All heavy atoms as atom14 arrays in JSON, in Angstrom:
{
  "sequence": "GEVRGDECVDMLQAMNTGHISMSTGHANTARDMLSRLETMFLMGMDL",
  "atom14_mask": [
    [1, 1, 1, 1, 0, 0, 0, 0, 0, 0, 0, 0, 0, 0],
    [1, 1, 1, 1, 1, 1, 1, 1, 1, 0, 0, 0, 0, 0],
    [1, 1, 1, 1, 1, 1, 1, 0, 0, 0, 0, 0, 0, 0],
    [1, 1, 1, 1, 1, 1, 1, 1, 1, 1, 1, 0, 0, 0],
    [1, 1, 1, 1, 0, 0, 0, 0, 0, 0, 0, 0, 0, 0],
    [1, 1, 1, 1, 1, 1, 1, 1, 0, 0, 0, 0, 0, 0],
    [1, 1, 1, 1, 1, 1, 1, 1, 1, 0, 0, 0, 0, 0],
    [1, 1, 1, 1, 1, 1, 0, 0, 0, 0, 0, 0, 0, 0],
    [1, 1, 1, 1, 1, 1, 1, 0, 0, 0, 0, 0, 0, 0],
    [1, 1, 1, 1, 1, 1, 1, 1, 0, 0, 0, 0, 0, 0],
    [1, 1, 1, 1, 1, 1, 1, 1, 0, 0, 0, 0, 0, 0],
    [1, 1, 1, 1, 1, 1, 1, 1, 0, 0, 0, 0, 0, 0],
    [1, 1, 1, 1, 1, 1, 1, 1, 1, 0, 0, 0, 0, 0],
    [1, 1, 1, 1, 1, 0, 0, 0, 0, 0, 0, 0, 0, 0],
    [1, 1, 1, 1, 1, 1, 1, 1, 0, 0, 0, 0, 0, 0],
    [1, 1, 1, 1, 1, 1, 1, 1, 0, 0, 0, 0, 0, 0],
    [1, 1, 1, 1, 1, 1, 1, 0, 0, 0, 0, 0, 0, 0],
    [1, 1, 1, 1, 0, 0, 0, 0, 0, 0, 0, 0, 0, 0],
    [1, 1, 1, 1, 1, 1, 1, 1, 1, 1, 0, 0, 0, 0],
    [1, 1, 1, 1, 1, 1, 1, 1, 0, 0, 0, 0, 0, 0],
    [1, 1, 1, 1, 1, 1, 0, 0, 0, 0, 0, 0, 0, 0],
    [1, 1, 1, 1, 1, 1, 1, 1, 0, 0, 0, 0, 0, 0],
    [1, 1, 1, 1, 1, 1, 0, 0, 0, 0, 0, 0, 0, 0],
    [1, 1, 1, 1, 1, 1, 1, 0, 0, 0, 0, 0, 0, 0],
    [1, 1, 1, 1, 0, 0, 0, 0, 0, 0, 0, 0, 0, 0],
    [1, 1, 1, 1, 1, 1, 1, 1, 1, 1, 0, 0, 0, 0],
    [1, 1, 1, 1, 1, 0, 0, 0, 0, 0, 0, 0, 0, 0],
    [1, 1, 1, 1, 1, 1, 1, 1, 0, 0, 0, 0, 0, 0],
    [1, 1, 1, 1, 1, 1, 1, 0, 0, 0, 0, 0, 0, 0],
    [1, 1, 1, 1, 1, 0, 0, 0, 0, 0, 0, 0, 0, 0],
    [1, 1, 1, 1, 1, 1, 1, 1, 1, 1, 1, 0, 0, 0],
    [1, 1, 1, 1, 1, 1, 1, 1, 0, 0, 0, 0, 0, 0],
    [1, 1, 1, 1, 1, 1, 1, 1, 0, 0, 0, 0, 0, 0],
    [1, 1, 1, 1, 1, 1, 1, 1, 0, 0, 0, 0, 0, 0],
    [1, 1, 1, 1, 1, 1, 0, 0, 0, 0, 0, 0, 0, 0],
    [1, 1, 1, 1, 1, 1, 1, 1, 1, 1, 1, 0, 0, 0],
    [1, 1, 1, 1, 1, 1, 1, 1, 0, 0, 0, 0, 0, 0],
    [1, 1, 1, 1, 1, 1, 1, 1, 1, 0, 0, 0, 0, 0],
    [1, 1, 1, 1, 1, 1, 1, 0, 0, 0, 0, 0, 0, 0],
    [1, 1, 1, 1, 1, 1, 1, 1, 0, 0, 0, 0, 0, 0],
    [1, 1, 1, 1, 1, 1, 1, 1, 1, 1, 1, 0, 0, 0],
    [1, 1, 1, 1, 1, 1, 1, 1, 0, 0, 0, 0, 0, 0],
    [1, 1, 1, 1, 1, 1, 1, 1, 0, 0, 0, 0, 0, 0],
    [1, 1, 1, 1, 0, 0, 0, 0, 0, 0, 0, 0, 0, 0],
    [1, 1, 1, 1, 1, 1, 1, 1, 0, 0, 0, 0, 0, 0],
    [1, 1, 1, 1, 1, 1, 1, 1, 0, 0, 0, 0, 0, 0],
    [1, 1, 1, 1, 1, 1, 1, 1, 0, 0, 0, 0, 0, 0]
  ],
  "atom14_positions": [
    [[-3.14, 10.2, -3.99], [-3.31, 10.06, -5.44], [-2.84, 8.74, -5.98], [-3.56, 8.07, -6.74], [0.0, 0.0, 0.0], [0.0, 0.0, 0.0], [0.0, 0.0, 0.0], [0.0, 0.0, 0.0], [0.0, 0.0, 0.0], [0.0, 0.0, 0.0], [0.0, 0.0, 0.0], [0.0, 0.0, 0.0], [0.0, 0.0, 0.0], [0.0, 0.0, 0.0]],
    [[-1.65, 8.31, -5.61], [-1.13, 7.02, -6.07], [-0.03, 6.54, -5.14], [0.78, 7.34, -4.66], [-0.58, 7.13, -7.5], [-0.13, 5.8, -8.07], [0.34, 5.88, -9.51], [0.05, 6.9, -10.17], [0.99, 4.93, -9.97], [0.0, 0.0, 0.0], [0.0, 0.0, 0.0], [0.0, 0.0, 0.0], [0.0, 0.0, 0.0], [0.0, 0.0, 0.0]],
    [[-0.03, 5.24, -4.88], [0.99, 4.62, -4.04], [1.95, 3.85, -4.95], [1.52, 2.98, -5.71], [0.36, 3.69, -3.0], [1.43, 2.94, -2.23], [-0.51, 4.48, -2.05], [0.0, 0.0, 0.0], [0.0, 0.0, 0.0], [0.0, 0.0, 0.0], [0.0, 0.0, 0.0], [0.0, 0.0, 0.0], [0.0, 0.0, 0.0], [0.0, 0.0, 0.0]],
    [[3.25, 4.18, -4.85], [4.24, 3.54, -5.71], [5.38, 2.87, -4.95], [6.1, 2.05, -5.52], [4.88, 4.57, -6.65], [3.94, 5.23, -7.64], [4.75, 6.01, -8.66], [3.91, 6.77, -9.58], [3.58, 8.04, -9.43], [4.0, 8.69, -8.35], [2.83, 8.65, -10.31], [0.0, 0.0, 0.0], [0.0, 0.0, 0.0], [0.0, 0.0, 0.0]],
    [[5.57, 3.26, -3.68], [6.75, 2.75, -2.98], [6.52, 2.62, -1.49], [5.45, 2.19, -1.04], [0.0, 0.0, 0.0], [0.0, 0.0, 0.0], [0.0, 0.0, 0.0], [0.0, 0.0, 0.0], [0.0, 0.0, 0.0], [0.0, 0.0, 0.0], [0.0, 0.0, 0.0], [0.0, 0.0, 0.0], [0.0, 0.0, 0.0], [0.0, 0.0, 0.0]],
    [[7.53, 3.03, -0.71], [7.49, 2.78, 0.73], [6.43, 3.61, 1.45], [6.17, 3.37, 2.64], [8.86, 3.02, 1.35], [9.4, 4.41, 1.09], [8.67, 5.22, 0.47], [10.54, 4.7, 1.52], [0.0, 0.0, 0.0], [0.0, 0.0, 0.0], [0.0, 0.0, 0.0], [0.0, 0.0, 0.0], [0.0, 0.0, 0.0], [0.0, 0.0, 0.0]],
    [[5.8, 4.58, 0.77], [4.7, 5.31, 1.41], [3.51, 4.4, 1.71], [2.61, 4.76, 2.46], [4.25, 6.48, 0.54], [3.65, 6.1, -0.8], [4.68, 6.03, -1.9], [5.89, 6.05, -1.59], [4.28, 5.96, -3.08], [0.0, 0.0, 0.0], [0.0, 0.0, 0.0], [0.0, 0.0, 0.0], [0.0, 0.0, 0.0], [0.0, 0.0, 0.0]],
    [[3.53, 3.21, 1.12], [2.49, 2.2, 1.4], [2.42, 1.9, 2.9], [1.33, 1.66, 3.43], [2.8, 0.93, 0.61], [1.7, -0.44, 0.94], [0.0, 0.0, 0.0], [0.0, 0.0, 0.0], [0.0, 0.0, 0.0], [0.0, 0.0, 0.0], [0.0, 0.0, 0.0], [0.0, 0.0, 0.0], [0.0, 0.0, 0.0], [0.0, 0.0, 0.0]],
    [[3.57, 1.93, 3.58], [3.6, 1.66, 5.02], [2.74, 2.67, 5.78], [1.88, 2.3, 6.59], [5.06, 1.71, 5.55], [5.08, 1.56, 7.07], [5.89, 0.62, 4.89], [0.0, 0.0, 0.0], [0.0, 0.0, 0.0], [0.0, 0.0, 0.0], [0.0, 0.0, 0.0], [0.0, 0.0, 0.0], [0.0, 0.0, 0.0], [0.0, 0.0, 0.0]],
    [[2.94, 3.94, 5.51], [2.23, 4.99, 6.24], [0.75, 5.03, 5.86], [-0.1, 5.31, 6.71], [2.88, 6.33, 5.96], [4.35, 6.34, 6.37], [4.62, 6.5, 7.56], [5.19, 6.15, 5.49], [0.0, 0.0, 0.0], [0.0, 0.0, 0.0], [0.0, 0.0, 0.0], [0.0, 0.0, 0.0], [0.0, 0.0, 0.0], [0.0, 0.0, 0.0]],
    [[0.44, 4.74, 4.58], [-0.96, 4.72, 4.18], [-1.72, 3.61, 4.91], [-2.81, 3.82, 5.43], [-1.07, 4.51, 2.67], [-2.51, 4.57, 2.16], [-2.74, 3.83, 0.53], [-2.5, 2.09, 0.92], [0.0, 0.0, 0.0], [0.0, 0.0, 0.0], [0.0, 0.0, 0.0], [0.0, 0.0, 0.0], [0.0, 0.0, 0.0], [0.0, 0.0, 0.0]],
    [[-1.11, 2.42, 4.99], [-1.78, 1.31, 5.67], [-1.88, 1.54, 7.17], [-2.86, 1.16, 7.81], [-1.05, 0.0, 5.38], [-1.24, -0.55, 3.96], [-0.3, -1.71, 3.69], [-2.69, -1.01, 3.76], [0.0, 0.0, 0.0], [0.0, 0.0, 0.0], [0.0, 0.0, 0.0], [0.0, 0.0, 0.0], [0.0, 0.0, 0.0], [0.0, 0.0, 0.0]],
    [[-0.87, 2.19, 7.74], [-0.95, 2.51, 9.16], [-2.06, 3.51, 9.43], [-2.76, 3.42, 10.44], [0.39, 3.05, 9.65], [1.46, 1.97, 9.76], [2.79, 2.5, 10.25], [3.02, 3.71, 10.27], [3.68, 1.6, 10.64], [0.0, 0.0, 0.0], [0.0, 0.0, 0.0], [0.0, 0.0, 0.0], [0.0, 0.0, 0.0], [0.0, 0.0, 0.0]],
    [[-2.26, 4.45, 8.51], [-3.37, 5.4, 8.65], [-4.7, 4.66, 8.56], [-5.63, 4.94, 9.33], [-3.28, 6.47, 7.56], [0.0, 0.0, 0.0], [0.0, 0.0, 0.0], [0.0, 0.0, 0.0], [0.0, 0.0, 0.0], [0.0, 0.0, 0.0], [0.0, 0.0, 0.0], [0.0, 0.0, 0.0], [0.0, 0.0, 0.0], [0.0, 0.0, 0.0]],
    [[-4.8, 3.74, 7.61], [-6.05, 2.97, 7.47], [-6.33, 2.13, 8.7], [-7.48, 1.93, 9.08], [-5.95, 2.06, 6.24], [-6.01, 2.78, 4.9], [-5.86, 1.62, 3.52], [-6.34, 2.67, 2.13], [0.0, 0.0, 0.0], [0.0, 0.0, 0.0], [0.0, 0.0, 0.0], [0.0, 0.0, 0.0], [0.0, 0.0, 0.0], [0.0, 0.0, 0.0]],
    [[-5.27, 1.63, 9.32], [-5.44, 0.75, 10.48], [-5.6, 1.5, 11.8], [-5.78, 0.87, 12.85], [-4.26, -0.21, 10.58], [-4.39, -1.39, 9.63], [-5.29, -2.22, 9.77], [-3.49, -1.48, 8.67], [0.0, 0.0, 0.0], [0.0, 0.0, 0.0], [0.0, 0.0, 0.0], [0.0, 0.0, 0.0], [0.0, 0.0, 0.0], [0.0, 0.0, 0.0]],
    [[-5.52, 2.82, 11.74], [-5.7, 3.61, 12.98], [-6.94, 4.49, 12.9], [-7.0, 5.54, 13.54], [-4.45, 4.47, 13.25], [-4.14, 5.24, 12.08], [-3.27, 3.6, 13.61], [0.0, 0.0, 0.0], [0.0, 0.0, 0.0], [0.0, 0.0, 0.0], [0.0, 0.0, 0.0], [0.0, 0.0, 0.0], [0.0, 0.0, 0.0], [0.0, 0.0, 0.0]],
    [[-7.89, 4.1, 12.08], [-9.19, 4.77, 12.07], [-9.32, 5.91, 11.09], [-10.35, 6.6, 11.1], [0.0, 0.0, 0.0], [0.0, 0.0, 0.0], [0.0, 0.0, 0.0], [0.0, 0.0, 0.0], [0.0, 0.0, 0.0], [0.0, 0.0, 0.0], [0.0, 0.0, 0.0], [0.0, 0.0, 0.0], [0.0, 0.0, 0.0], [0.0, 0.0, 0.0]],
    [[-8.31, 6.15, 10.26], [-8.42, 7.22, 9.27], [-8.94, 6.65, 7.96], [-8.32, 5.78, 7.35], [-7.06, 7.88, 9.05], [-6.51, 8.56, 10.26], [-5.72, 7.92, 11.19], [-6.66, 9.83, 10.72], [-5.39, 8.76, 12.14], [-5.95, 9.93, 11.89], [0.0, 0.0, 0.0], [0.0, 0.0, 0.0], [0.0, 0.0, 0.0], [0.0, 0.0, 0.0]],
    [[-10.09, 7.12, 7.53], [-10.67, 6.67, 6.28], [-9.79, 7.12, 5.13], [-9.41, 8.28, 5.05], [-12.09, 7.24, 6.1], [-12.95, 6.9, 7.31], [-12.73, 6.73, 4.81], [-14.24, 7.69, 7.37], [0.0, 0.0, 0.0], [0.0, 0.0, 0.0], [0.0, 0.0, 0.0], [0.0, 0.0, 0.0], [0.0, 0.0, 0.0], [0.0, 0.0, 0.0]],
    [[-9.44, 6.2, 4.23], [-8.5, 6.52, 3.17], [-8.94, 5.96, 1.83], [-9.64, 4.94, 1.76], [-7.1, 5.98, 3.51], [-6.62, 6.51, 4.72], [0.0, 0.0, 0.0], [0.0, 0.0, 0.0], [0.0, 0.0, 0.0], [0.0, 0.0, 0.0], [0.0, 0.0, 0.0], [0.0, 0.0, 0.0], [0.0, 0.0, 0.0], [0.0, 0.0, 0.0]],
    [[-8.52, 6.63, 0.78], [-8.72, 6.17, -0.59], [-7.42, 6.4, -1.34], [-6.72, 7.38, -1.1], [-9.86, 6.93, -1.27], [-11.21, 6.78, -0.59], [-12.44, 7.94, -1.23], [-12.63, 7.33, -2.9], [0.0, 0.0, 0.0], [0.0, 0.0, 0.0], [0.0, 0.0, 0.0], [0.0, 0.0, 0.0], [0.0, 0.0, 0.0], [0.0, 0.0, 0.0]],
    [[-7.1, 5.48, -2.27], [-5.87, 5.63, -3.03], [-5.95, 4.79, -4.3], [-6.94, 4.1, -4.54], [-4.66, 5.21, -2.19], [-3.46, 5.51, -2.87], [0.0, 0.0, 0.0], [0.0, 0.0, 0.0], [0.0, 0.0, 0.0], [0.0, 0.0, 0.0], [0.0, 0.0, 0.0], [0.0, 0.0, 0.0], [0.0, 0.0, 0.0], [0.0, 0.0, 0.0]],
    [[-4.88, 4.86, -5.11], [-4.8, 4.09, -6.35], [-3.43, 3.45, -6.46], [-2.47, 3.86, -5.79], [-5.05, 4.96, -7.6], [-3.89, 5.78, -7.84], [-6.26, 5.84, -7.44], [0.0, 0.0, 0.0], [0.0, 0.0, 0.0], [0.0, 0.0, 0.0], [0.0, 0.0, 0.0], [0.0, 0.0, 0.0], [0.0, 0.0, 0.0], [0.0, 0.0, 0.0]],
    [[-3.33, 2.46, -7.35], [-2.06, 1.8, -7.61], [-2.1, 1.05, -8.93], [-3.17, 0.73, -9.45], [0.0, 0.0, 0.0], [0.0, 0.0, 0.0], [0.0, 0.0, 0.0], [0.0, 0.0, 0.0], [0.0, 0.0, 0.0], [0.0, 0.0, 0.0], [0.0, 0.0, 0.0], [0.0, 0.0, 0.0], [0.0, 0.0, 0.0], [0.0, 0.0, 0.0]],
    [[-0.93, 0.76, -9.47], [-0.82, 0.06, -10.76], [-0.8, -1.45, -10.54], [0.04, -1.97, -9.81], [0.47, 0.47, -11.48], [0.36, 1.74, -12.23], [0.53, 2.97, -11.63], [0.1, 2.0, -13.53], [0.39, 3.92, -12.54], [0.13, 3.37, -13.69], [0.0, 0.0, 0.0], [0.0, 0.0, 0.0], [0.0, 0.0, 0.0], [0.0, 0.0, 0.0]],
    [[-1.69, -2.15, -11.21], [-1.7, -3.62, -11.22], [-2.7, -4.1, -12.26], [-3.66, -3.4, -12.59], [-2.06, -4.18, -9.85], [0.0, 0.0, 0.0], [0.0, 0.0, 0.0], [0.0, 0.0, 0.0], [0.0, 0.0, 0.0], [0.0, 0.0, 0.0], [0.0, 0.0, 0.0], [0.0, 0.0, 0.0], [0.0, 0.0, 0.0], [0.0, 0.0, 0.0]],
    [[-2.48, -5.31, -12.77], [-3.35, -5.85, -13.82], [-4.58, -6.56, -13.26], [-5.58, -6.7, -13.96], [-2.56, -6.81, -14.71], [-1.48, -6.11, -15.5], [-1.66, -4.98, -15.94], [-0.33, -6.77, -15.65], [0.0, 0.0, 0.0], [0.0, 0.0, 0.0], [0.0, 0.0, 0.0], [0.0, 0.0, 0.0], [0.0, 0.0, 0.0], [0.0, 0.0, 0.0]],
    [[-4.51, -7.03, -12.03], [-5.65, -7.67, -11.38], [-5.65, -7.27, -9.91], [-4.65, -6.76, -9.38], [-5.59, -9.21, -11.48], [-4.46, -9.68, -10.72], [-5.46, -9.67, -12.93], [0.0, 0.0, 0.0], [0.0, 0.0, 0.0], [0.0, 0.0, 0.0], [0.0, 0.0, 0.0], [0.0, 0.0, 0.0], [0.0, 0.0, 0.0], [0.0, 0.0, 0.0]],
    [[-6.78, -7.53, -9.24], [-6.87, -7.21, -7.82], [-5.87, -8.06, -7.02], [-5.25, -7.57, -6.06], [-8.29, -7.46, -7.33], [0.0, 0.0, 0.0], [0.0, 0.0, 0.0], [0.0, 0.0, 0.0], [0.0, 0.0, 0.0], [0.0, 0.0, 0.0], [0.0, 0.0, 0.0], [0.0, 0.0, 0.0], [0.0, 0.0, 0.0], [0.0, 0.0, 0.0]],
    [[-5.7, -9.33, -7.39], [-4.74, -10.19, -6.7], [-3.32, -9.68, -6.9], [-2.51, -9.67, -5.97], [-4.88, -11.62, -7.22], [-3.85, -12.61, -6.69], [-3.9, -12.75, -5.18], [-5.12, -13.37, -4.72], [-5.42, -13.54, -3.43], [-4.59, -13.1, -2.5], [-6.56, -14.1, -3.08], [0.0, 0.0, 0.0], [0.0, 0.0, 0.0], [0.0, 0.0, 0.0]],
    [[-3.0, -9.22, -8.13], [-1.68, -8.65, -8.37], [-1.45, -7.39, -7.54], [-0.32, -7.12, -7.11], [-1.52, -8.3, -9.86], [-1.39, -9.54, -10.74], [-1.17, -10.64, -10.19], [-1.54, -9.41, -11.97], [0.0, 0.0, 0.0], [0.0, 0.0, 0.0], [0.0, 0.0, 0.0], [0.0, 0.0, 0.0], [0.0, 0.0, 0.0], [0.0, 0.0, 0.0]],
    [[-2.53, -6.62, -7.32], [-2.39, -5.41, -6.52], [-1.99, -5.75, -5.09], [-1.18, -5.05, -4.48], [-3.71, -4.64, -6.53], [-3.61, -3.24, -5.92], [-2.63, -2.09, -6.95], [-1.14, -1.91, -5.98], [0.0, 0.0, 0.0], [0.0, 0.0, 0.0], [0.0, 0.0, 0.0], [0.0, 0.0, 0.0], [0.0, 0.0, 0.0], [0.0, 0.0, 0.0]],
    [[-2.54, -6.82, -4.56], [-2.17, -7.24, -3.21], [-0.69, -7.62, -3.15], [0.01, -7.29, -2.19], [-3.04, -8.41, -2.76], [-4.54, -8.1, -2.56], [-5.29, -9.36, -2.14], [-4.73, -7.01, -1.53], [0.0, 0.0, 0.0], [0.0, 0.0, 0.0], [0.0, 0.0, 0.0], [0.0, 0.0, 0.0], [0.0, 0.0, 0.0], [0.0, 0.0, 0.0]],
    [[-0.21, -8.32, -4.18], [1.2, -8.7, -4.22], [2.09, -7.47, -4.3], [3.14, -7.4, -3.65], [1.46, -9.62, -5.42], [0.71, -10.81, -5.32], [0.0, 0.0, 0.0], [0.0, 0.0, 0.0], [0.0, 0.0, 0.0], [0.0, 0.0, 0.0], [0.0, 0.0, 0.0], [0.0, 0.0, 0.0], [0.0, 0.0, 0.0], [0.0, 0.0, 0.0]],
    [[1.67, -6.48, -5.08], [2.45, -5.25, -5.19], [2.46, -4.49, -3.87], [3.48, -3.91, -3.48], [1.89, -4.35, -6.3], [2.15, -4.86, -7.71], [2.21, -3.71, -8.69], [3.36, -2.87, -8.43], [3.33, -1.54, -8.5], [2.21, -0.9, -8.77], [4.42, -0.83, -8.26], [0.0, 0.0, 0.0], [0.0, 0.0, 0.0], [0.0, 0.0, 0.0]],
    [[1.32, -4.46, -3.18], [1.26, -3.78, -1.89], [2.2, -4.45, -0.88], [2.85, -3.77, -0.08], [-0.18, -3.78, -1.36], [-1.14, -2.81, -2.06], [-2.58, -3.09, -1.64], [-0.78, -1.36, -1.76], [0.0, 0.0, 0.0], [0.0, 0.0, 0.0], [0.0, 0.0, 0.0], [0.0, 0.0, 0.0], [0.0, 0.0, 0.0], [0.0, 0.0, 0.0]],
    [[2.26, -5.78, -0.92], [3.18, -6.49, -0.03], [4.62, -6.07, -0.31], [5.4, -5.8, 0.61], [3.02, -8.0, -0.22], [1.69, -8.55, 0.26], [1.49, -10.0, -0.15], [2.46, -10.6, -0.7], [0.4, -10.55, 0.05], [0.0, 0.0, 0.0], [0.0, 0.0, 0.0], [0.0, 0.0, 0.0], [0.0, 0.0, 0.0], [0.0, 0.0, 0.0]],
    [[4.98, -6.01, -1.61], [6.33, -5.63, -2.0], [6.64, -4.19, -1.58], [7.72, -3.9, -1.04], [6.51, -5.77, -3.52], [6.22, -7.12, -3.89], [7.93, -5.43, -3.93], [0.0, 0.0, 0.0], [0.0, 0.0, 0.0], [0.0, 0.0, 0.0], [0.0, 0.0, 0.0], [0.0, 0.0, 0.0], [0.0, 0.0, 0.0], [0.0, 0.0, 0.0]],
    [[5.69, -3.28, -1.81], [5.9, -1.88, -1.46], [6.03, -1.71, 0.05], [6.82, -0.88, 0.52], [4.78, -1.03, -2.03], [4.81, -0.88, -3.53], [3.61, 0.29, -4.2], [2.09, -0.62, -4.02], [0.0, 0.0, 0.0], [0.0, 0.0, 0.0], [0.0, 0.0, 0.0], [0.0, 0.0, 0.0], [0.0, 0.0, 0.0], [0.0, 0.0, 0.0]],
    [[5.27, -2.45, 0.81], [5.35, -2.37, 2.27], [6.75, -2.8, 2.73], [7.37, -2.15, 3.58], [4.28, -3.26, 2.91], [4.07, -3.0, 4.37], [2.96, -2.29, 4.8], [4.98, -3.45, 5.33], [2.76, -2.04, 6.16], [4.78, -3.2, 6.68], [3.67, -2.5, 7.09], [0.0, 0.0, 0.0], [0.0, 0.0, 0.0], [0.0, 0.0, 0.0]],
    [[7.25, -3.89, 2.15], [8.57, -4.4, 2.55], [9.69, -3.46, 2.12], [10.8, -3.51, 2.67], [8.79, -5.79, 1.95], [7.88, -6.89, 2.54], [8.02, -8.17, 1.74], [8.23, -7.13, 4.01], [0.0, 0.0, 0.0], [0.0, 0.0, 0.0], [0.0, 0.0, 0.0], [0.0, 0.0, 0.0], [0.0, 0.0, 0.0], [0.0, 0.0, 0.0]],
    [[9.43, -2.59, 1.13], [10.42, -1.58, 0.74], [10.61, -0.55, 1.85], [11.68, 0.06, 1.96], [9.96, -0.86, -0.53], [10.02, -1.72, -1.78], [9.15, -0.94, -3.18], [10.12, 0.55, -3.38], [0.0, 0.0, 0.0], [0.0, 0.0, 0.0], [0.0, 0.0, 0.0], [0.0, 0.0, 0.0], [0.0, 0.0, 0.0], [0.0, 0.0, 0.0]],
    [[9.59, -0.36, 2.68], [9.65, 0.67, 3.71], [9.83, 0.16, 5.12], [10.22, 0.91, 6.01], [0.0, 0.0, 0.0], [0.0, 0.0, 0.0], [0.0, 0.0, 0.0], [0.0, 0.0, 0.0], [0.0, 0.0, 0.0], [0.0, 0.0, 0.0], [0.0, 0.0, 0.0], [0.0, 0.0, 0.0], [0.0, 0.0, 0.0], [0.0, 0.0, 0.0]],
    [[9.56, -1.13, 5.34], [9.67, -1.67, 6.7], [9.94, -3.17, 6.62], [9.29, -3.9, 5.87], [8.39, -1.4, 7.49], [8.45, -1.86, 8.94], [6.95, -1.39, 9.87], [7.15, 0.39, 9.95], [0.0, 0.0, 0.0], [0.0, 0.0, 0.0], [0.0, 0.0, 0.0], [0.0, 0.0, 0.0], [0.0, 0.0, 0.0], [0.0, 0.0, 0.0]],
    [[10.91, -3.62, 7.4], [11.29, -5.03, 7.41], [10.46, -5.77, 8.45], [10.76, -5.76, 9.64], [12.78, -5.17, 7.7], [13.26, -6.61, 7.55], [12.51, -7.42, 6.98], [14.38, -6.91, 8.0], [0.0, 0.0, 0.0], [0.0, 0.0, 0.0], [0.0, 0.0, 0.0], [0.0, 0.0, 0.0], [0.0, 0.0, 0.0], [0.0, 0.0, 0.0]],
    [[9.38, -6.4, 7.98], [8.51, -7.18, 8.85], [8.28, -8.56, 8.25], [8.45, -8.74, 7.04], [7.15, -6.48, 9.0], [7.03, -5.26, 9.91], [5.61, -4.73, 9.88], [7.43, -5.6, 11.34], [0.0, 0.0, 0.0], [0.0, 0.0, 0.0], [0.0, 0.0, 0.0], [0.0, 0.0, 0.0], [0.0, 0.0, 0.0], [0.0, 0.0, 0.0]]
  ]
}
């Protein structure tokens, strides 16, 4: 339904392992959404 925090890690891992996925997130532009996804990913995993 919506990605707000460190669950971004597991959603992207699902997408990268062949599971078709759809989701939503808060951002004012598509570029801002990418920045937010980066931040949310780093909240859940130090890479």
